[in-house]
Amino acid sequence: MSGDLVSIIMPSWNTGRFIAESIESVRKQTYQNWELIIVDDCSTDNTDEVVGSFHDDRIRYLKNEKNCGAALTRNRAIREARGEWIAFLDSDDLWAPEKLEKQLRFMKENGYVFSYHDYVKIDEASQPLSIYVTGPEIVTKRKMYNYGYPGCLTFMYSAKAFGQIQIKDIKKNNDYAILLKLCKKANCYLLPENLAQYRIRKKSISHDKLSKKLKSHYDLFHFCDERCAPAALWFACWNMFYGILKKKFYEKKIV
């Protein structure tokens, strides 16, 4: 397994408060054959200074000439990737030290090309919110269209099996857009273990009003997945319904 390079995709925009902790969670991985591709989307905070303080040849720091948004920023990072495997970590989220080692072993031993794992939620101060998130054991294409179960910080796929994934320029749900492309070629398998921490921020999409969430899902299915308007609206509404079910069946309070 030592020969398998993992390319880690990390878009950044004004996350100077958090990105050092995210980078450290990558550097502390027990599996060390990785490259971290950070593409900054014209941050106006101290992101440059923070990233510049890390002296590690495995970290590649690129900057957009103009603000492009998360979708095109992720696309650029994926085009730069040289690894056999592609993983994602947003610049405010965290990985457990064994994440790469355990997930790679899980996939290689079972012959999987697409997988995800459980995670927990934390607040802006990195304090636990006592919420554990999991998902279905197998996410088929149908299930993925029902809901984007794999969190962006949890899924990994084989670059050889899927090729270079590129998505259209949508402002939100761009990680879900990647999942929709992947699920058309292979099922996604769950490693039932907490290997990451997802940060809840006050201005995140998680706190959008219902109407805005519906609109962002409609845009995903209509513009990115190229569904006709009625079908896109149907998928968006169905997705919102499954979002409720997900919270009921796949999120639990940690006592």
Protein backbone atom coordinates (compact mmCIF):
# COMPACT_ATOMS: atom_id res chain seq x y z
CA MET A 1 0.00 0.00 0.00
CA SER A 2 3.03 2.28 0.42
CA GLY A 3 3.11 3.00 -3.32
CA ASP A 4 -0.37 4.48 -3.55
CA LEU A 5 -0.21 8.27 -3.66
CA VAL A 6 -3.31 10.01 -2.31
CA SER A 7 -4.13 13.46 -3.69
CA ILE A 8 -6.01 15.55 -1.12
CA ILE A 9 -8.18 18.31 -2.55
CA MET A 10 -8.52 21.39 -0.32
CA PRO A 11 -10.18 24.58 -1.62
CA SER A 12 -9.75 27.60 0.63
CA TRP A 13 -11.38 30.98 1.03
CA ASN A 14 -10.96 33.14 4.13
CA THR A 15 -10.38 30.21 6.48
CA GLY A 16 -7.20 31.52 8.07
CA ARG A 17 -8.74 30.81 11.48
CA PHE A 18 -9.06 27.10 10.74
CA ILE A 19 -6.78 26.01 7.91
CA ALA A 20 -3.68 25.39 10.05
CA GLU A 21 -5.58 22.83 12.11
CA SER A 22 -6.88 21.20 8.91
CA ILE A 23 -3.38 20.99 7.42
CA GLU A 24 -1.99 19.56 10.66
CA SER A 25 -4.64 16.83 10.61
CA VAL A 26 -3.25 15.80 7.20
CA ARG A 27 0.38 15.96 8.30
CA LYS A 28 -0.42 13.75 11.30
CA GLN A 29 -1.74 10.93 9.11
CA THR A 30 -0.29 7.52 9.87
CA TYR A 31 -0.29 6.99 6.08
CA GLN A 32 2.28 9.42 4.73
CA ASN A 33 2.25 8.98 0.95
CA TRP A 34 0.04 11.94 0.11
CA GLU A 35 0.05 15.30 -1.60
CA LEU A 36 -2.10 18.15 -0.31
CA ILE A 37 -3.30 20.47 -3.06
CA ILE A 38 -4.59 23.74 -1.61
CA VAL A 39 -6.18 26.15 -4.08
CA ASP A 40 -7.02 29.52 -2.58
CA ASP A 41 -9.90 31.46 -4.10
CA CYS A 42 -8.65 35.03 -3.49
CA SER A 43 -8.82 35.09 0.30
CA THR A 44 -8.65 38.50 1.95
CA ASP A 45 -7.64 37.26 5.39
CA ASN A 46 -4.32 35.77 6.60
CA THR A 47 -4.63 32.47 4.70
CA ASP A 48 -1.41 33.15 2.72
CA GLU A 49 0.56 33.71 5.90
CA VAL A 50 -0.82 30.63 7.63
CA VAL A 51 -0.23 28.27 4.71
CA GLY A 52 3.19 29.81 4.09
CA SER A 53 4.26 28.85 7.61
CA PHE A 54 4.19 25.15 6.64
CA HIS A 55 7.39 23.84 5.09
CA ASP A 56 6.43 20.49 3.62
CA ASP A 57 7.19 19.50 0.04
CA ARG A 58 3.99 17.46 -0.09
CA ILE A 59 1.89 20.64 0.24
CA ARG A 60 1.20 22.48 -3.03
CA TYR A 61 -0.33 25.93 -2.63
CA LEU A 62 -1.99 27.48 -5.68
CA LYS A 63 -3.94 30.73 -5.97
CA ASN A 64 -6.74 31.71 -8.33
CA GLU A 65 -6.16 34.94 -10.20
CA LYS A 66 -9.80 35.89 -9.63
CA ASN A 67 -12.55 34.64 -7.34
CA CYS A 68 -14.06 31.57 -9.01
CA GLY A 69 -16.15 29.88 -6.34
CA ALA A 70 -15.77 26.46 -4.74
CA ALA A 71 -16.79 24.38 -7.78
CA LEU A 72 -14.16 25.75 -10.18
CA THR A 73 -11.59 25.86 -7.38
CA ARG A 74 -12.11 22.16 -6.71
CA ASN A 75 -11.93 21.48 -10.45
CA ARG A 76 -8.52 23.14 -10.63
CA ALA A 77 -7.20 21.16 -7.68
CA ILE A 78 -8.43 17.90 -9.22
CA ARG A 79 -6.69 18.74 -12.51
CA GLU A 80 -3.45 19.18 -10.55
CA ALA A 81 -3.80 15.82 -8.78
CA ARG A 82 -1.16 13.17 -9.48
CA GLY A 83 -2.33 10.45 -7.09
CA GLU A 84 -3.90 7.06 -7.62
CA TRP A 85 -6.58 8.07 -5.12
CA ILE A 86 -8.52 11.31 -4.65
CA ALA A 87 -9.73 12.47 -1.24
CA PHE A 88 -11.31 15.73 -0.09
CA LEU A 89 -10.86 17.89 2.99
CA ASP A 90 -12.31 21.38 3.29
CA SER A 91 -10.05 23.96 4.89
CA ASP A 92 -12.02 24.07 8.13
CA ASP A 93 -12.58 20.33 8.68
CA LEU A 94 -10.37 17.72 10.34
CA TRP A 95 -9.29 14.13 9.84
CA ALA A 96 -8.45 11.51 12.44
CA PRO A 97 -4.79 10.37 12.17
CA GLU A 98 -5.75 6.91 10.87
CA LYS A 99 -8.21 8.15 8.22
CA LEU A 100 -6.12 7.51 5.11
CA GLU A 101 -4.55 4.29 6.36
CA LYS A 102 -7.85 2.69 7.38
CA GLN A 103 -9.84 3.86 4.36
CA LEU A 104 -7.21 2.75 1.86
CA ARG A 105 -6.95 -0.66 3.52
CA PHE A 106 -10.75 -0.99 3.52
CA MET A 107 -10.93 -0.24 -0.20
CA LYS A 108 -7.98 -2.30 -1.34
CA GLU A 109 -8.88 -5.38 0.69
CA ASN A 110 -12.43 -5.35 -0.67
CA GLY A 111 -11.71 -4.19 -4.20
CA TYR A 112 -13.73 -0.98 -3.81
CA VAL A 113 -13.09 2.11 -5.92
CA PHE A 114 -15.42 4.47 -4.04
CA SER A 115 -15.99 4.68 -0.28
CA TYR A 116 -16.88 6.91 2.65
CA HIS A 117 -16.95 6.76 6.44
CA ASP A 118 -18.62 8.14 9.56
CA TYR A 119 -17.83 11.51 11.14
CA VAL A 120 -18.76 13.75 14.04
CA LYS A 121 -19.66 17.44 14.18
CA ILE A 122 -17.67 20.15 15.96
CA ASP A 123 -18.22 23.88 16.46
CA GLU A 124 -16.08 26.86 15.42
CA ALA A 125 -13.90 26.40 18.50
CA SER A 126 -13.27 22.72 17.60
CA GLN A 127 -15.46 21.60 20.49
CA PRO A 128 -17.60 18.47 19.98
CA LEU A 129 -21.31 18.95 19.31
CA SER A 130 -22.00 15.34 20.31
CA ILE A 131 -23.53 14.46 16.93
CA TYR A 132 -22.43 11.26 15.18
CA VAL A 133 -23.20 10.94 11.45
CA THR A 134 -23.23 7.70 9.47
CA GLY A 135 -25.10 6.45 6.39
CA PRO A 136 -26.22 3.40 4.39
CA GLU A 137 -23.83 0.47 4.14
CA ILE A 138 -23.99 0.72 0.34
CA VAL A 139 -24.95 3.92 -1.48
CA THR A 140 -26.21 2.95 -4.93
CA LYS A 141 -26.93 5.42 -7.72
CA ARG A 142 -30.59 5.54 -6.69
CA LYS A 143 -29.72 6.21 -3.05
CA MET A 144 -27.21 8.89 -4.02
CA TYR A 145 -29.91 10.71 -5.98
CA ASN A 146 -32.16 10.47 -2.95
CA TYR A 147 -29.54 12.13 -0.80
CA GLY A 148 -25.81 12.88 -0.84
CA TYR A 149 -24.97 10.65 2.12
CA PRO A 150 -21.13 10.80 1.97
CA GLY A 151 -19.78 13.93 3.62
CA CYS A 152 -17.20 15.72 1.49
CA LEU A 153 -14.51 15.14 4.13
CA THR A 154 -15.18 11.38 4.09
CA PHE A 155 -15.27 10.09 0.54
CA MET A 156 -12.39 8.78 -1.53
CA TYR A 157 -12.25 7.33 -5.02
CA SER A 158 -9.85 5.72 -7.47
CA ALA A 159 -8.56 8.18 -10.07
CA LYS A 160 -7.87 5.26 -12.41
CA ALA A 161 -11.44 3.98 -12.20
CA PHE A 162 -13.20 7.33 -12.63
CA GLY A 163 -10.77 9.54 -14.54
CA GLN A 164 -10.60 13.28 -14.03
CA ILE A 165 -13.87 14.51 -12.53
CA GLN A 166 -14.90 18.06 -13.41
CA ILE A 167 -18.19 19.75 -12.49
CA LYS A 168 -20.11 22.77 -13.67
CA ASP A 169 -19.93 26.10 -11.88
CA ILE A 170 -22.62 25.95 -9.22
CA LYS A 171 -22.33 28.00 -6.04
CA LYS A 172 -23.51 25.34 -3.59
CA ASN A 173 -23.70 21.54 -3.45
CA ASN A 174 -20.60 21.26 -5.64
CA ASP A 175 -19.36 18.33 -3.55
CA TYR A 176 -22.72 16.62 -4.16
CA ALA A 177 -22.22 17.26 -7.89
CA ILE A 178 -19.02 15.20 -7.70
CA LEU A 179 -20.88 12.40 -5.94
CA LEU A 180 -23.53 12.31 -8.68
CA LYS A 181 -20.83 11.81 -11.31
CA LEU A 182 -19.14 9.07 -9.30
CA CYS A 183 -22.29 7.11 -8.45
CA LYS A 184 -23.07 6.58 -12.13
CA LYS A 185 -20.03 4.32 -12.40
CA ALA A 186 -19.82 2.56 -9.03
CA ASN A 187 -21.51 2.09 -5.66
CA CYS A 188 -20.10 3.85 -2.61
CA TYR A 189 -19.29 1.63 0.39
CA LEU A 190 -19.36 2.66 4.04
CA LEU A 191 -16.46 2.15 6.42
CA PRO A 192 -18.44 2.30 9.69
CA GLU A 193 -15.91 4.19 11.77
CA ASN A 194 -15.56 7.83 12.83
CA LEU A 195 -12.52 9.18 11.01
CA ALA A 196 -13.27 12.90 10.65
CA GLN A 197 -14.69 16.04 12.24
CA TYR A 198 -17.04 18.32 10.32
CA ARG A 199 -17.07 21.92 11.46
CA ILE A 200 -20.42 23.69 11.76
CA ARG A 201 -20.05 27.40 11.09
CA LYS A 202 -22.70 30.06 11.59
CA LYS A 203 -22.75 31.09 7.93
CA SER A 204 -22.58 27.61 6.43
CA ILE A 205 -25.16 26.14 4.05
CA SER A 206 -26.34 24.00 6.97
CA HIS A 207 -28.05 27.11 8.34
CA ASP A 208 -29.69 28.29 5.09
CA LYS A 209 -33.43 28.77 5.05
CA LEU A 210 -35.56 25.99 3.56
CA SER A 211 -36.30 27.97 0.39
CA LYS A 212 -32.60 28.59 -0.27
CA LYS A 213 -31.78 24.93 0.26
CA LEU A 214 -34.51 23.90 -2.18
CA LYS A 215 -33.18 26.36 -4.77
CA SER A 216 -29.60 25.12 -4.37
CA HIS A 217 -30.74 21.51 -4.85
CA TYR A 218 -32.79 22.48 -7.90
CA ASP A 219 -29.74 24.18 -9.41
CA LEU A 220 -27.69 21.05 -8.75
CA PHE A 221 -30.04 18.73 -10.62
CA HIS A 222 -31.05 21.19 -13.36
CA PHE A 223 -27.82 22.97 -14.29
CA CYS A 224 -25.17 20.54 -13.14
CA ASP A 225 -26.85 17.16 -13.69
CA GLU A 226 -28.72 18.53 -16.74
CA ARG A 227 -32.17 17.35 -15.73
CA CYS A 228 -35.22 19.05 -17.22
CA ALA A 229 -36.94 21.57 -14.95
CA PRO A 230 -39.79 19.29 -13.73
CA ALA A 231 -37.37 16.42 -13.03
CA ALA A 232 -34.93 18.74 -11.27
CA LEU A 233 -37.73 20.06 -9.05
CA TRP A 234 -38.84 16.49 -8.29
CA PHE A 235 -35.33 15.41 -7.31
CA ALA A 236 -34.84 18.56 -5.23
CA CYS A 237 -38.05 17.99 -3.25
CA TRP A 238 -37.30 14.27 -2.86
CA ASN A 239 -33.82 15.21 -1.66
CA MET A 240 -35.21 17.52 1.01
CA PHE A 241 -37.49 14.72 2.22
CA TYR A 242 -34.59 12.28 2.48
CA GLY A 243 -32.62 14.93 4.33
CA ILE A 244 -35.22 14.70 7.09
CA LEU A 245 -35.01 10.90 7.08
CA LYS A 246 -31.22 11.06 7.23
CA LYS A 247 -31.30 13.11 10.42
CA LYS A 248 -33.72 10.62 11.94
CA PHE A 249 -31.95 7.40 10.97
CA TYR A 250 -28.31 8.30 10.43
CA GLU A 251 -27.55 11.06 12.95
CA LYS A 252 -27.46 10.35 16.65
CA LYS A 253 -26.55 12.16 19.82
CA ILE A 254 -23.46 10.92 21.58
CA VAL A 255 -24.13 10.55 25.28
